[in-house]
Amino acid sequence: MHPKLPTGRIPRPVAFWLLAVTLLAILAASAAPSPLYVVYQDRWGFSPTVLTTIFAIYVVALLVALLTVGELSDHIGRRPVLAAALIVEAASMVVFLSADGVGPLLVARALQGLATGAATGAISAGLLDLQPSPTSSLGPLLNSLAPAVGLAAGALGTGLLVQYAPAPTTLVFALFTVLFVVLAAAVFLLPEPVTPRRGAWASLRPRVAVPSHARRTFVAAAPALIATWALGGLHLALGPSLTTEGLHIASHLVGGLVVATLFGAGAAASLLVHSAPPRRVMAAGTLVLAAGTGLTLLALAVSSAPLFFLATAVAGAGFGSSFLSAFRSLAALAGPGDRAKLIAAVYVVSYLALSVPAVLAGLAVPSLGLKATATLYGAGVMVFALLATVSEFAGRRTSVTGPVLVASSADPDAPPGRLEVAAAGWTAESGPRYGS
């Protein structure tokens, strides 16, 4: 049973879905500038290196927020952290609205990164706090679906506005400004699942903290996190440019469709496999991700748009299933007092994988060219994906012969719910091993 939550002004199920919508909106806004990068580049004439710098400063700011305030909501509560993050998010939209050069774009993306980093840890922990039961798969499912659905919707929606609507560089940000102001006000209607406790100031010290009982699972999941989000960085930073220069398609809508295809397929795959054993899903998902990335590189080599979109969908299916399984395995290990901390660590690894390769790719494009850079990038993604696949198969064999009898994910007859809690550290003798 969940601990009894303080009474809020709206029922807990409504609060749960309000948090899910808020996470979806924040991540949709983070992808909204992607189809506009080509527009900004044409308008202000900056290089691919500057383009990836604009992309990367968002992630740097996001990581700063995760490393400083990622644990704060475990101490002062989910509501104040989320409300402040949404206000900063709305401010970033206002800066986008008035941007007239590279400088304002950098400021807007930095503010957006700070807001997203502060909000994601609090919201993700809140979804686990408010889900129907501690062993429910709904909280982890929405936590893994929201990035995929949000990024797909943000990129596709902006692509449509850029292609067909007036004022393409302002309309989308005006809509998001209004939405975030409304959501910031709605936060105060939520129940607060966290009792304030001491240590808030100390929690602001930059650090990455993984509870000791979750470290082995975290290390095992790291290659999958790196592969999935590095692939996301390739499409978010360079996807529209690849369609323009690599596939010779000038439509801004198609640039948004690339991102939407990747993350839309990821969302669909997450829904299909959410009740399957996490370790099996991770092993299969990373293998599919590697195959889809290889097909993507082949499509670029032969300049085939149909093959490129098919390959992107295959890679997206691997992305969604891999990230979901990694998140489920880790989320089940977090007790109420360390959820935000563990989730922040997951996102630190994920967003480093999203940003660092993309920045290096931007630096390499002027000398190597776009296609060659994308090929090297994709090869790196495949290496980490295959490493994760091998690691999961090896770990599955170890779980069968380990000294503690658990319902291992290698047991095809065990029910999915039991498999999930076994991966989370439950045993017949000890019950759940949650950290304090």
Protein backbone atom coordinates (compact mmCIF):
# COMPACT_ATOMS: atom_id res chain seq x y z
CA MET A 1 0.00 0.00 0.00
CA HIS A 2 1.06 3.58 -0.59
CA PRO A 3 1.51 5.78 2.46
CA LYS A 4 -1.53 7.96 3.02
CA LEU A 5 -1.18 11.15 1.00
CA PRO A 6 -2.30 14.57 2.22
CA THR A 7 -5.68 15.58 0.87
CA GLY A 8 -5.44 17.87 -2.14
CA ARG A 9 -8.04 19.90 -3.96
CA ILE A 10 -8.30 17.33 -6.74
CA PRO A 11 -8.52 13.53 -6.46
CA ARG A 12 -5.28 11.56 -6.62
CA PRO A 13 -6.10 9.87 -9.98
CA VAL A 14 -6.75 13.28 -11.55
CA ALA A 15 -3.51 14.60 -10.06
CA PHE A 16 -1.64 11.62 -11.50
CA TRP A 17 -2.83 12.37 -15.04
CA LEU A 18 -2.27 16.10 -14.61
CA LEU A 19 1.37 15.33 -13.82
CA ALA A 20 1.57 13.10 -16.90
CA VAL A 21 0.19 15.89 -19.11
CA THR A 22 2.64 18.36 -17.58
CA LEU A 23 5.60 16.10 -18.30
CA LEU A 24 4.32 15.59 -21.84
CA ALA A 25 4.04 19.37 -22.38
CA ILE A 26 7.53 20.10 -21.03
CA LEU A 27 9.14 17.50 -23.27
CA ALA A 28 7.08 18.59 -26.29
CA ALA A 29 8.38 22.13 -25.77
CA SER A 30 11.95 20.83 -25.60
CA ALA A 31 11.60 19.36 -29.11
CA ALA A 32 9.71 22.31 -30.59
CA PRO A 33 12.83 24.24 -31.68
CA SER A 34 14.28 21.29 -33.65
CA PRO A 35 12.37 21.88 -36.93
CA LEU A 36 13.15 25.61 -36.57
CA TYR A 37 16.93 25.19 -36.45
CA VAL A 38 17.13 25.11 -40.25
CA VAL A 39 14.95 28.24 -40.41
CA TYR A 40 17.15 30.05 -37.89
CA GLN A 41 20.27 28.89 -39.73
CA ASP A 42 19.00 30.28 -43.03
CA ARG A 43 17.87 33.52 -41.41
CA TRP A 44 21.03 34.28 -39.42
CA GLY A 45 23.64 32.29 -41.34
CA PHE A 46 25.30 30.37 -38.52
CA SER A 47 27.33 27.17 -38.93
CA PRO A 48 26.46 23.56 -37.98
CA THR A 49 28.78 23.95 -34.99
CA VAL A 50 26.70 26.89 -33.71
CA LEU A 51 23.52 24.89 -34.37
CA THR A 52 24.65 22.00 -32.19
CA THR A 53 25.87 24.48 -29.57
CA ILE A 54 22.33 25.89 -29.36
CA PHE A 55 21.09 22.34 -28.96
CA ALA A 56 23.77 21.44 -26.41
CA ILE A 57 23.40 24.45 -24.12
CA TYR A 58 19.90 23.22 -23.35
CA VAL A 59 21.30 19.90 -22.18
CA VAL A 60 24.13 21.51 -20.20
CA ALA A 61 21.60 23.67 -18.34
CA LEU A 62 19.36 20.65 -17.84
CA LEU A 63 22.23 18.69 -16.31
CA VAL A 64 23.09 21.59 -14.00
CA ALA A 65 19.48 21.55 -12.78
CA LEU A 66 19.48 17.78 -12.32
CA LEU A 67 22.76 17.87 -10.40
CA THR A 68 21.65 20.68 -8.10
CA VAL A 69 17.87 20.54 -7.66
CA GLY A 70 17.24 16.98 -8.86
CA GLU A 71 16.92 15.79 -5.25
CA LEU A 72 15.28 18.93 -3.87
CA SER A 73 11.68 17.74 -4.22
CA ASP A 74 12.50 14.80 -1.90
CA HIS A 75 13.07 17.45 0.82
CA ILE A 76 10.71 20.39 0.24
CA GLY A 77 7.98 18.65 -1.76
CA ARG A 78 7.03 18.13 -5.39
CA ARG A 79 4.72 21.14 -5.76
CA PRO A 80 7.10 24.06 -5.06
CA VAL A 81 9.84 22.63 -7.29
CA LEU A 82 7.41 21.97 -10.13
CA ALA A 83 5.70 25.37 -9.89
CA ALA A 84 9.03 27.21 -10.04
CA ALA A 85 10.16 25.08 -12.99
CA LEU A 86 6.99 25.85 -14.95
CA ILE A 87 7.38 29.58 -14.39
CA VAL A 88 10.95 29.44 -15.73
CA GLU A 89 9.70 27.33 -18.65
CA ALA A 90 7.13 30.00 -19.52
CA ALA A 91 9.88 32.65 -19.34
CA SER A 92 11.99 30.68 -21.83
CA MET A 93 9.06 30.64 -24.26
CA VAL A 94 8.83 34.43 -24.01
CA VAL A 95 12.54 34.74 -24.90
CA PHE A 96 11.99 32.48 -27.92
CA LEU A 97 9.13 34.75 -28.99
CA SER A 98 11.38 37.80 -29.15
CA ALA A 99 14.59 36.10 -30.39
CA ASP A 100 16.37 38.08 -33.09
CA GLY A 101 19.72 36.27 -33.21
CA VAL A 102 21.87 33.49 -31.83
CA GLY A 103 22.30 35.16 -28.41
CA PRO A 104 18.60 35.09 -27.45
CA LEU A 105 18.33 31.51 -28.72
CA LEU A 106 21.14 30.48 -26.37
CA VAL A 107 19.45 32.26 -23.45
CA ALA A 108 16.07 30.68 -24.25
CA ARG A 109 17.51 27.19 -24.50
CA ALA A 110 19.47 27.62 -21.28
CA LEU A 111 16.35 28.70 -19.39
CA GLN A 112 14.42 25.83 -20.94
CA GLY A 113 17.09 23.36 -19.92
CA LEU A 114 17.07 24.58 -16.30
CA ALA A 115 13.28 24.31 -16.18
CA THR A 116 13.17 20.87 -17.77
CA GLY A 117 15.87 19.49 -15.48
CA ALA A 118 14.13 20.79 -12.38
CA ALA A 119 10.71 19.57 -13.48
CA THR A 120 11.46 16.09 -14.79
CA GLY A 121 12.82 14.70 -11.53
CA ALA A 122 9.91 16.08 -9.50
CA ILE A 123 7.26 14.94 -12.00
CA SER A 124 8.75 11.49 -12.55
CA ALA A 125 8.95 10.93 -8.78
CA GLY A 126 5.41 12.29 -8.40
CA LEU A 127 4.08 9.81 -10.95
CA LEU A 128 5.57 6.98 -8.87
CA ASP A 129 4.12 8.53 -5.68
CA LEU A 130 0.61 8.77 -7.12
CA GLN A 131 0.39 5.60 -9.21
CA PRO A 132 -2.30 3.06 -8.20
CA SER A 133 0.05 0.74 -6.25
CA PRO A 134 3.79 0.39 -5.52
CA THR A 135 4.12 -2.50 -7.99
CA SER A 136 2.00 -0.86 -10.70
CA SER A 137 3.64 -0.53 -14.11
CA LEU A 138 1.66 2.63 -14.93
CA GLY A 139 4.07 5.13 -13.38
CA PRO A 140 7.19 3.73 -15.10
CA LEU A 141 5.21 3.34 -18.34
CA LEU A 142 4.17 7.00 -18.40
CA ASN A 143 7.65 8.09 -17.38
CA SER A 144 9.08 6.31 -20.41
CA LEU A 145 6.19 7.17 -22.76
CA ALA A 146 6.17 10.90 -22.02
CA PRO A 147 9.63 11.63 -23.48
CA ALA A 148 8.82 9.71 -26.66
CA VAL A 149 5.29 11.09 -27.13
CA GLY A 150 6.27 14.60 -26.04
CA LEU A 151 9.31 14.84 -28.30
CA ALA A 152 7.35 13.42 -31.24
CA ALA A 153 4.41 15.77 -30.71
CA GLY A 154 6.63 18.82 -30.22
CA ALA A 155 8.67 18.20 -33.36
CA LEU A 156 5.70 17.26 -35.54
CA GLY A 157 3.50 20.10 -34.28
CA THR A 158 6.21 22.67 -34.87
CA GLY A 159 6.95 21.21 -38.30
CA LEU A 160 3.29 21.62 -39.26
CA LEU A 161 3.22 25.21 -37.99
CA VAL A 162 6.46 26.10 -39.78
CA GLN A 163 5.20 24.64 -43.06
CA TYR A 164 1.60 25.87 -43.05
CA ALA A 165 0.90 28.46 -40.32
CA PRO A 166 1.68 32.17 -40.22
CA ALA A 167 4.47 33.45 -37.97
CA PRO A 168 6.12 30.00 -37.69
CA THR A 169 8.87 31.12 -35.31
CA THR A 170 6.49 32.72 -32.81
CA LEU A 171 3.10 30.96 -32.86
CA VAL A 172 4.28 27.72 -31.26
CA PHE A 173 6.02 29.57 -28.43
CA ALA A 174 3.00 31.78 -27.77
CA LEU A 175 0.85 28.67 -27.36
CA PHE A 176 3.35 27.05 -25.00
CA THR A 177 3.63 30.24 -22.92
CA VAL A 178 -0.09 30.19 -22.20
CA LEU A 179 -0.05 26.46 -21.48
CA PHE A 180 2.80 26.67 -18.95
CA VAL A 181 1.25 29.58 -17.08
CA VAL A 182 -1.97 27.56 -16.72
CA LEU A 183 -0.09 24.46 -15.59
CA ALA A 184 1.93 26.47 -13.04
CA ALA A 185 -1.33 27.62 -11.45
CA ALA A 186 -2.77 24.09 -11.55
CA VAL A 187 0.20 22.66 -9.62
CA PHE A 188 -1.17 24.08 -6.37
CA LEU A 189 -4.26 21.87 -6.74
CA LEU A 190 -2.13 18.72 -6.49
CA PRO A 191 -1.83 16.61 -3.34
CA GLU A 192 1.66 16.78 -1.84
CA PRO A 193 3.05 13.27 -1.26
CA VAL A 194 6.29 14.43 0.41
CA THR A 195 6.61 15.47 4.05
CA PRO A 196 9.22 18.27 4.24
CA ARG A 197 12.43 17.18 5.92
CA ARG A 198 15.82 18.62 6.72
CA GLY A 199 18.69 18.60 4.25
CA ALA A 200 17.27 20.77 1.46
CA TRP A 201 20.29 23.10 1.33
CA ALA A 202 22.71 20.18 1.47
CA SER A 203 20.85 18.49 -1.39
CA LEU A 204 21.75 21.42 -3.68
CA ARG A 205 25.41 20.41 -3.66
CA PRO A 206 26.13 19.13 -7.20
CA ARG A 207 26.40 15.36 -7.18
CA VAL A 208 25.13 12.19 -8.80
CA ALA A 209 23.83 9.80 -6.18
CA VAL A 210 22.60 6.27 -6.81
CA PRO A 211 21.40 4.33 -3.74
CA SER A 212 23.78 1.47 -2.97
CA HIS A 213 21.16 -1.22 -3.52
CA ALA A 214 20.45 0.13 -7.04
CA ARG A 215 24.02 0.54 -8.27
CA ARG A 216 24.44 -2.86 -9.88
CA THR A 217 21.18 -2.50 -11.82
CA PHE A 218 22.11 1.08 -12.74
CA VAL A 219 25.47 0.06 -14.19
CA ALA A 220 23.83 -2.78 -16.13
CA ALA A 221 21.25 -0.37 -17.59
CA ALA A 222 23.78 2.37 -18.50
CA PRO A 223 24.75 1.07 -22.00
CA ALA A 224 21.07 0.92 -22.97
CA LEU A 225 20.48 4.47 -21.67
CA ILE A 226 23.51 5.73 -23.59
CA ALA A 227 22.54 4.03 -26.85
CA THR A 228 18.92 5.18 -26.77
CA TRP A 229 19.55 8.82 -25.94
CA ALA A 230 22.59 9.17 -28.20
CA LEU A 231 20.31 8.08 -31.02
CA GLY A 232 17.76 10.67 -29.89
CA GLY A 233 20.46 13.35 -29.95
CA LEU A 234 21.38 12.48 -33.52
CA HIS A 235 17.82 12.98 -34.72
CA LEU A 236 17.03 16.03 -32.60
CA ALA A 237 20.21 17.92 -33.48
CA LEU A 238 20.87 16.78 -37.06
CA GLY A 239 17.67 15.03 -38.23
CA PRO A 240 16.20 18.02 -40.14
CA SER A 241 19.63 18.77 -41.68
CA LEU A 242 19.97 15.14 -42.77
CA THR A 243 16.67 15.27 -44.64
CA THR A 244 17.66 18.54 -46.32
CA GLU A 245 21.27 17.73 -47.27
CA GLY A 246 21.40 13.93 -47.12
CA LEU A 247 18.02 13.09 -48.65
CA HIS A 248 17.54 16.34 -50.63
CA ILE A 249 14.11 17.06 -49.13
CA ALA A 250 13.56 20.75 -48.39
CA SER A 251 10.23 20.52 -46.50
CA HIS A 252 10.31 21.72 -42.89
CA LEU A 253 7.45 19.32 -42.16
CA VAL A 254 9.60 16.36 -43.22
CA GLY A 255 12.31 17.52 -40.81
CA GLY A 256 9.78 17.38 -38.00
CA LEU A 257 8.51 14.01 -39.23
CA VAL A 258 11.96 12.48 -38.76
CA VAL A 259 11.92 13.29 -35.05
CA ALA A 260 8.24 12.35 -34.75
CA THR A 261 8.83 8.99 -36.46
CA LEU A 262 11.65 8.05 -34.10
CA PHE A 263 9.86 8.96 -30.90
CA GLY A 264 6.38 7.98 -32.10
CA ALA A 265 7.62 4.48 -32.85
CA GLY A 266 9.27 4.50 -29.42
CA ALA A 267 5.97 5.33 -27.75
CA ALA A 268 4.12 2.61 -29.65
CA ALA A 269 6.76 0.02 -28.75
CA SER A 270 6.59 1.02 -25.08
CA LEU A 271 2.85 0.38 -25.04
CA LEU A 272 3.25 -3.01 -26.69
CA VAL A 273 5.91 -4.36 -24.32
CA HIS A 274 5.13 -2.58 -21.03
CA SER A 275 3.96 -5.77 -19.30
CA ALA A 276 6.78 -8.00 -20.55
CA PRO A 277 9.80 -8.94 -18.37
CA PRO A 278 12.11 -5.88 -18.32
CA ARG A 279 15.38 -7.71 -18.92
CA ARG A 280 14.07 -9.61 -21.92
CA VAL A 281 12.68 -6.39 -23.36
CA MET A 282 15.98 -4.57 -22.85
CA ALA A 283 17.99 -7.28 -24.60
CA ALA A 284 15.60 -7.40 -27.56
CA GLY A 285 15.10 -3.64 -27.67
CA THR A 286 18.77 -2.77 -27.86
CA LEU A 287 19.24 -5.35 -30.62
CA VAL A 288 16.38 -3.77 -32.61
CA LEU A 289 17.88 -0.32 -31.97
CA ALA A 290 21.23 -1.45 -33.39
CA ALA A 291 19.53 -2.94 -36.46
CA GLY A 292 17.46 0.19 -37.06
CA THR A 293 20.52 2.42 -36.75
CA GLY A 294 22.39 0.27 -39.27
CA LEU A 295 19.47 0.55 -41.70
CA THR A 296 19.43 4.33 -41.19
CA LEU A 297 23.08 4.56 -42.21
CA LEU A 298 22.36 2.41 -45.28
CA ALA A 299 19.47 4.72 -46.23
CA LEU A 300 21.75 7.77 -45.99
CA ALA A 301 24.39 6.03 -48.09
CA VAL A 302 21.92 5.38 -50.93
CA SER A 303 19.88 8.58 -50.35
CA SER A 304 16.62 6.64 -49.96
CA ALA A 305 13.93 8.57 -48.10
CA PRO A 306 11.48 5.61 -47.76
CA LEU A 307 14.23 3.39 -46.32
CA PHE A 308 15.36 6.22 -44.05
CA PHE A 309 11.90 6.59 -42.48
CA LEU A 310 11.43 2.82 -42.20
CA ALA A 311 14.81 2.52 -40.50
CA THR A 312 14.01 5.43 -38.18
CA ALA A 313 10.80 3.68 -37.13
CA VAL A 314 12.69 0.44 -36.42
CA ALA A 315 15.32 2.30 -34.40
CA GLY A 316 12.53 4.15 -32.57
CA ALA A 317 10.92 0.87 -31.56
CA GLY A 318 14.24 -0.18 -30.07
CA PHE A 319 14.57 3.21 -28.37
CA GLY A 320 11.17 3.02 -26.68
CA SER A 321 11.39 -0.58 -25.50
CA SER A 322 14.97 -0.22 -24.26
CA PHE A 323 14.35 2.95 -22.27
CA LEU A 324 11.13 1.60 -20.78
CA SER A 325 12.78 -1.60 -19.58
CA ALA A 326 15.75 0.27 -18.10
CA PHE A 327 13.45 2.73 -16.33
CA ARG A 328 11.19 -0.01 -14.96
CA SER A 329 14.10 -1.95 -13.52
CA LEU A 330 15.46 1.16 -11.78
CA ALA A 331 12.20 2.80 -10.73
CA ALA A 332 11.11 -0.27 -8.80
CA LEU A 333 14.26 0.00 -6.67
CA ALA A 334 13.52 3.51 -5.39
CA GLY A 335 11.82 4.07 -2.05
CA PRO A 336 9.73 7.24 -1.47
CA GLY A 337 12.69 9.08 0.08
CA ASP A 338 15.13 8.59 -2.79
CA ARG A 339 12.96 8.50 -5.92
CA ALA A 340 13.87 11.94 -7.25
CA LYS A 341 17.56 11.27 -6.54
CA LEU A 342 17.65 8.00 -8.48
CA ILE A 343 15.56 9.35 -11.36
CA ALA A 344 17.84 12.40 -11.58
CA ALA A 345 20.82 10.05 -11.95
CA VAL A 346 19.02 8.22 -14.78
CA TYR A 347 18.43 11.49 -16.59
CA VAL A 348 22.00 12.68 -16.04
CA VAL A 349 23.32 9.66 -17.93
CA SER A 350 20.58 9.96 -20.55
CA TYR A 351 21.09 13.64 -21.28
CA LEU A 352 24.89 13.37 -21.33
CA ALA A 353 24.38 10.72 -24.02
CA LEU A 354 21.92 13.04 -25.77
CA SER A 355 24.25 16.06 -25.82
CA VAL A 356 27.94 15.15 -25.85
CA PRO A 357 27.89 13.09 -29.08
CA ALA A 358 25.70 15.73 -30.76
CA VAL A 359 28.18 18.50 -29.91
CA LEU A 360 31.10 16.41 -31.16
CA ALA A 361 29.13 15.73 -34.34
CA GLY A 362 28.56 19.46 -34.86
CA LEU A 363 32.29 20.07 -34.51
CA ALA A 364 33.05 17.28 -36.99
CA VAL A 365 30.59 18.27 -39.73
CA PRO A 366 32.69 21.12 -41.25
CA SER A 367 35.68 18.84 -41.81
CA LEU A 368 34.08 15.41 -42.36
CA GLY A 369 30.76 16.36 -43.93
CA LEU A 370 27.25 15.62 -42.70
CA LYS A 371 26.89 12.06 -44.02
CA ALA A 372 30.31 10.89 -42.81
CA THR A 373 29.69 12.41 -39.39
CA ALA A 374 26.28 10.74 -39.15
CA THR A 375 27.84 7.42 -40.14
CA LEU A 376 30.47 7.60 -37.39
CA TYR A 377 27.82 8.72 -34.90
CA GLY A 378 25.51 5.86 -35.84
CA ALA A 379 28.32 3.34 -35.57
CA GLY A 380 28.95 4.50 -31.99
CA VAL A 381 25.26 4.08 -31.17
CA MET A 382 25.35 0.54 -32.54
CA VAL A 383 28.37 -0.35 -30.41
CA PHE A 384 26.63 0.70 -27.18
CA ALA A 385 23.36 -0.97 -28.21
CA LEU A 386 25.09 -4.27 -28.90
CA LEU A 387 27.07 -3.95 -25.65
CA ALA A 388 23.77 -3.59 -23.79
CA THR A 389 22.34 -6.64 -25.58
CA VAL A 390 25.34 -8.80 -24.70
CA SER A 391 25.31 -7.51 -21.12
CA GLU A 392 21.65 -8.42 -20.66
CA PHE A 393 22.07 -11.93 -22.04
CA ALA A 394 25.07 -12.47 -19.78
CA GLY A 395 23.19 -11.07 -16.80
CA ARG A 396 20.24 -13.35 -17.47
CA ARG A 397 22.47 -16.43 -17.29
CA THR A 398 23.97 -15.13 -14.05
CA SER A 399 20.54 -14.65 -12.50
CA VAL A 400 19.69 -18.29 -13.09
CA THR A 401 22.76 -19.55 -11.24
CA GLY A 402 22.99 -16.85 -8.53
CA PRO A 403 22.96 -17.72 -4.82
CA VAL A 404 19.55 -16.16 -4.09
CA LEU A 405 16.42 -17.80 -5.45
CA VAL A 406 14.27 -15.20 -7.20
CA ALA A 407 11.67 -15.24 -9.95
CA SER A 408 14.28 -14.52 -12.61
CA SER A 409 13.43 -12.95 -15.95
CA ALA A 410 14.93 -16.08 -17.50
CA ASP A 411 11.91 -18.04 -16.25
CA PRO A 412 9.39 -17.98 -19.12
CA ASP A 413 6.58 -19.28 -16.91
CA ALA A 414 6.72 -16.56 -14.27
CA PRO A 415 4.01 -13.86 -14.54
CA PRO A 416 5.09 -10.39 -15.69
CA GLY A 417 4.28 -8.67 -12.38
CA ARG A 418 6.40 -11.11 -10.41
CA LEU A 419 9.23 -10.75 -12.89
CA GLU A 420 9.21 -7.00 -12.43
CA VAL A 421 9.48 -7.04 -8.64
CA ALA A 422 12.14 -9.75 -8.81
CA ALA A 423 14.29 -7.48 -10.94
CA ALA A 424 13.62 -4.76 -8.39
CA GLY A 425 15.18 -6.75 -5.56
CA TRP A 426 12.33 -8.80 -4.07
CA THR A 427 13.08 -12.26 -2.74
CA ALA A 428 10.94 -14.90 -1.15
CA GLU A 429 12.84 -14.46 2.12
CA SER A 430 13.26 -10.73 2.47
CA GLY A 431 10.48 -8.90 0.64
CA PRO A 432 11.24 -5.60 -1.08
CA ARG A 433 14.65 -4.01 -0.61
CA TYR A 434 13.86 -0.31 -0.76
CA GLY A 435 16.49 2.21 0.19
CA SER A 436 16.03 4.80 2.87
